Amino acid sequence: MEAIFVSFTITYRQAVKTKVDNYVIEKVKEKRLENNLSQADLAYELGMSVGFIGKVESRKYSSHYNVKHLNDLAKILKCSPQDFLPKKPI
């Protein structure tokens, strides 16, 4: 019996967040810090892992907040979801 070996390459894409993702993430982080909340505190309130918040706030990972997250974050941080969005398109 003849063995067949298959060779393949896995390509990893660089984690890229859009400009609007970065803007939103920075606004959430500003509000988090204004409210004296750690990443762990925010994760607990949001019902997410601390690792998720860390990945969102890190430029190394493509993780970002979705619309449901923004609504829940606004409740937690006592503001409007609009406070996280730019006034004009980026």
C-alpha atoms as a PDB file:
ATOM      1  CA  MET A   1       0.000   0.000   0.000  1.00  0.00           C
ATOM      2  CA  GLU A   2       1.362   3.405  -0.966  1.00  0.00           C
ATOM      3  CA  ALA A   3       1.139   6.315   1.464  1.00  0.00           C
ATOM      4  CA  ILE A   4      -0.015   9.662   0.136  1.00  0.00           C
ATOM      5  CA  PHE A   5       1.148  12.786   1.902  1.00  0.00           C
ATOM      6  CA  VAL A   6      -0.656  16.056   1.394  1.00  0.00           C
ATOM      7  CA  SER A   7       1.090  19.305   2.103  1.00  0.00           C
ATOM      8  CA  PHE A   8      -0.799  22.512   2.702  1.00  0.00           C
ATOM      9  CA  THR A   9      -0.166  25.943   4.090  1.00  0.00           C
ATOM     10  CA  ILE A  10      -2.429  27.757   6.489  1.00  0.00           C
ATOM     11  CA  THR A  11      -2.424  31.488   6.001  1.00  0.00           C
ATOM     12  CA  TYR A  12      -3.344  33.695   8.926  1.00  0.00           C
ATOM     13  CA  ARG A  13      -4.821  37.078   8.160  1.00  0.00           C
ATOM     14  CA  GLN A  14      -3.596  40.009  10.150  1.00  0.00           C
ATOM     15  CA  ALA A  15      -6.290  41.088  12.575  1.00  0.00           C
ATOM     16  CA  VAL A  16      -7.732  44.278  11.153  1.00  0.00           C
ATOM     17  CA  LYS A  17     -10.332  46.511  12.692  1.00  0.00           C
ATOM     18  CA  THR A  18     -11.949  49.265  10.674  1.00  0.00           C
ATOM     19  CA  LYS A  19     -11.533  52.926  11.551  1.00  0.00           C
ATOM     20  CA  VAL A  20     -15.080  53.015  12.869  1.00  0.00           C
ATOM     21  CA  ASP A  21     -14.434  49.884  14.988  1.00  0.00           C
ATOM     22  CA  ASN A  22     -11.419  51.599  16.556  1.00  0.00           C
ATOM     23  CA  TYR A  23     -13.379  54.803  17.152  1.00  0.00           C
ATOM     24  CA  VAL A  24     -16.224  52.931  18.897  1.00  0.00           C
ATOM     25  CA  ILE A  25     -13.817  50.845  20.967  1.00  0.00           C
ATOM     26  CA  GLU A  26     -11.947  53.952  22.144  1.00  0.00           C
ATOM     27  CA  LYS A  27     -15.215  55.692  23.098  1.00  0.00           C
ATOM     28  CA  VAL A  28     -16.371  52.653  25.082  1.00  0.00           C
ATOM     29  CA  LYS A  29     -12.987  52.457  26.800  1.00  0.00           C
ATOM     30  CA  GLU A  30     -13.150  56.190  27.681  1.00  0.00           C
ATOM     31  CA  LYS A  31     -16.613  55.715  29.210  1.00  0.00           C
ATOM     32  CA  ARG A  32     -15.431  52.579  31.031  1.00  0.00           C
ATOM     33  CA  LEU A  33     -12.553  54.477  32.595  1.00  0.00           C
ATOM     34  CA  GLU A  34     -14.765  57.512  33.421  1.00  0.00           C
ATOM     35  CA  ASN A  35     -16.972  55.091  35.359  1.00  0.00           C
ATOM     36  CA  ASN A  36     -13.921  53.593  37.123  1.00  0.00           C
ATOM     37  CA  LEU A  37     -14.648  50.139  35.726  1.00  0.00           C
ATOM     38  CA  SER A  38     -11.942  47.585  35.006  1.00  0.00           C
ATOM     39  CA  GLN A  39     -12.139  45.272  32.014  1.00  0.00           C
ATOM     40  CA  ALA A  40     -13.211  42.564  34.464  1.00  0.00           C
ATOM     41  CA  ASP A  41     -15.984  44.763  35.892  1.00  0.00           C
ATOM     42  CA  LEU A  42     -17.297  45.562  32.421  1.00  0.00           C
ATOM     43  CA  ALA A  43     -17.086  41.921  31.335  1.00  0.00           C
ATOM     44  CA  TYR A  44     -19.122  40.855  34.373  1.00  0.00           C
ATOM     45  CA  GLU A  45     -21.800  43.507  33.753  1.00  0.00           C
ATOM     46  CA  LEU A  46     -21.939  42.632  30.051  1.00  0.00           C
ATOM     47  CA  GLY A  47     -22.046  38.878  30.704  1.00  0.00           C
ATOM     48  CA  MET A  48     -18.912  38.320  28.633  1.00  0.00           C
ATOM     49  CA  SER A  49     -15.458  37.007  29.449  1.00  0.00           C
ATOM     50  CA  VAL A  50     -12.623  39.281  30.533  1.00  0.00           C
ATOM     51  CA  GLY A  51     -10.707  37.848  27.586  1.00  0.00           C
ATOM     52  CA  PHE A  52     -13.325  39.172  25.173  1.00  0.00           C
ATOM     53  CA  ILE A  53     -13.030  42.741  26.506  1.00  0.00           C
ATOM     54  CA  GLY A  54      -9.237  42.456  26.369  1.00  0.00           C
ATOM     55  CA  LYS A  55      -9.327  41.265  22.772  1.00  0.00           C
ATOM     56  CA  VAL A  56     -11.716  44.050  21.790  1.00  0.00           C
ATOM     57  CA  GLU A  57      -9.471  46.701  23.345  1.00  0.00           C
ATOM     58  CA  SER A  58      -6.318  45.171  21.814  1.00  0.00           C
ATOM     59  CA  ARG A  59      -5.245  46.016  18.269  1.00  0.00           C
ATOM     60  CA  LYS A  60      -3.884  42.469  17.886  1.00  0.00           C
ATOM     61  CA  TYR A  61      -7.315  40.889  17.521  1.00  0.00           C
ATOM     62  CA  SER A  62     -10.233  41.520  15.183  1.00  0.00           C
ATOM     63  CA  SER A  63     -12.810  41.240  18.004  1.00  0.00           C
ATOM     64  CA  HIS A  64     -15.175  44.191  18.224  1.00  0.00           C
ATOM     65  CA  TYR A  65     -18.531  45.196  19.703  1.00  0.00           C
ATOM     66  CA  ASN A  66     -21.763  44.560  17.820  1.00  0.00           C
ATOM     67  CA  VAL A  67     -24.970  46.618  18.001  1.00  0.00           C
ATOM     68  CA  LYS A  68     -26.404  44.541  20.865  1.00  0.00           C
ATOM     69  CA  HIS A  69     -23.174  45.040  22.812  1.00  0.00           C
ATOM     70  CA  LEU A  70     -23.389  48.815  22.248  1.00  0.00           C
ATOM     71  CA  ASN A  71     -26.955  48.910  23.528  1.00  0.00           C
ATOM     72  CA  ASP A  72     -26.026  46.869  26.614  1.00  0.00           C
ATOM     73  CA  LEU A  73     -22.863  48.959  27.161  1.00  0.00           C
ATOM     74  CA  ALA A  74     -24.940  52.147  27.057  1.00  0.00           C
ATOM     75  CA  LYS A  75     -27.186  50.758  29.814  1.00  0.00           C
ATOM     76  CA  ILE A  76     -24.171  49.784  31.922  1.00  0.00           C
ATOM     77  CA  LEU A  77     -22.303  53.052  31.328  1.00  0.00           C
ATOM     78  CA  LYS A  78     -25.466  55.165  31.701  1.00  0.00           C
ATOM     79  CA  CYS A  79     -25.286  56.885  28.339  1.00  0.00           C
ATOM     80  CA  SER A  80     -26.748  56.666  24.847  1.00  0.00           C
ATOM     81  CA  PRO A  81     -25.479  54.162  22.281  1.00  0.00           C
ATOM     82  CA  GLN A  82     -24.982  57.231  20.078  1.00  0.00           C
ATOM     83  CA  ASP A  83     -22.226  58.380  22.439  1.00  0.00           C
ATOM     84  CA  PHE A  84     -20.032  55.599  21.031  1.00  0.00           C
ATOM     85  CA  LEU A  85     -20.530  56.570  17.374  1.00  0.00           C
ATOM     86  CA  PRO A  86     -18.813  59.325  15.363  1.00  0.00           C
ATOM     87  CA  LYS A  87     -20.887  62.399  14.523  1.00  0.00           C
ATOM     88  CA  LYS A  88     -19.810  62.160  10.868  1.00  0.00           C
ATOM     89  CA  PRO A  89     -18.877  59.155   8.720  1.00  0.00           C
ATOM     90  CA  ILE A  90     -15.258  58.068   8.979  1.00  0.00           C
END
